């Protein structure tokens, strides 16, 4: 049984501070920012196309704003986007006229456009976030804002929210004292310092990938990612501890639970989000489970060994093979563990269709976890097949001294699923054969 340390009453961690990003978290200015960037860049790109005869390709949300601009300091966002289009302009100076074709000039034009849009249209607020902030303050938690926007205080004043926050670190502060932008944690660390708390006593809330990366690097105890664009898996993969669609999903009580128990439980888990073929063999190795008699690599159950991505491994104590190796022109014989037959292999088909490989379909979500406390490797996958049907698979692998279990649980939005499961491993070890049986599961 693993050793478990139980904190005394006086040792319980407590959330003392909370730091929020502004755009997309507190205010709905993310839309206004995108609109301002689009107006600015489209005008620049049209002029550029007219000068050199190139094709005008407009600035878009998915392909341009999210990967190159969102969450970055203004001038760095300009530079990153222009580099993505292989456009080179001088950097210029922060005092550049908004009509100058420099990085700073383009950034300043965006700022002029943004302020005009705010003045004309006002600022929409996420009331669920404000309610969450007020609940935290009612519990004695200090609250601050950290944003790369140079318009942060301007927006807070315009929206009447400035009095809610005890510390504000924005783009103007960053430029004045030389703070690095996200994914570096500088602005969040300074906000925590200004609140008089340590990062490990804080939660932070972000909606940008670079923001949750900053939270992870800054060692904040709870990093909350807001997935308003449906990017929960990526936020979790990049550093968020929790991903929600809106702050109404969380309460101050949930925060208290995380700081007292959740962080301890989470520390036992090594979790991957999203399927990354280049990383799969390493992940399989790091999520291997064993019980002293045999071990099995954390390979996806529906794949055989190949040359690049997957390498299923079943290793049994006492089953070795003597193989020669050449070392400094000498032949050395080593006893190496033999990779026994793959006991995890499962085949899947829906209805009367052909057998399919889930990872070759459209993956909606993917989670691969090693629970080091319980010795459990688990994986959950949801994919959409070519008929548009959603299929979810959950497959825990638990190795105990007396028995071995692998129990894929499959649910389907409609129709019938046929799976081919192997018999218990001990039978396979004794016989070294693979004898599947058929199981039908329907939602």
Foldseek 3Di string as FASTA:
>chain_A
DDDDDADDPVPFFAAAAEEEAPDPAWWVCVVLLVVLLQVLVQVVQVVVCVVPVDDRDGADCPPQCQPQPPQAQQLSSLVRRCVVVVHDDAQDDCVDPLPDPHSNNSSVSSVVSSVVCCVVPNIGTQVLSVVQLVQCVVVNHAYEYFGAAPCVVVNCVRVVNPVSHQYYHYNVNCVVVVNHTFLAQRRVQVRCVSSVHAQCSYEYEEAGLRPQLNNQVRNHQAYEYAPCVLPQLSSVQNHHPYYYPHSNVDHVVNVSCCSRPVSSQCVQKDKHKDDDQQCQVVQQQVQWFDEVFKIWTQFDLADDDDDGGTDTFIFGPPAWDWDWDQDPNDTDTDTHTDRADRQSHKWKDFAPDDTDDQVVAAWSIKMWMHRNVQRKTKIWTWGAHPVRKIKIWIWIWHDDPPFTDIDIDMEIPDGKMKMWHFDTVVVCVVVVDTDTDIDIDYD
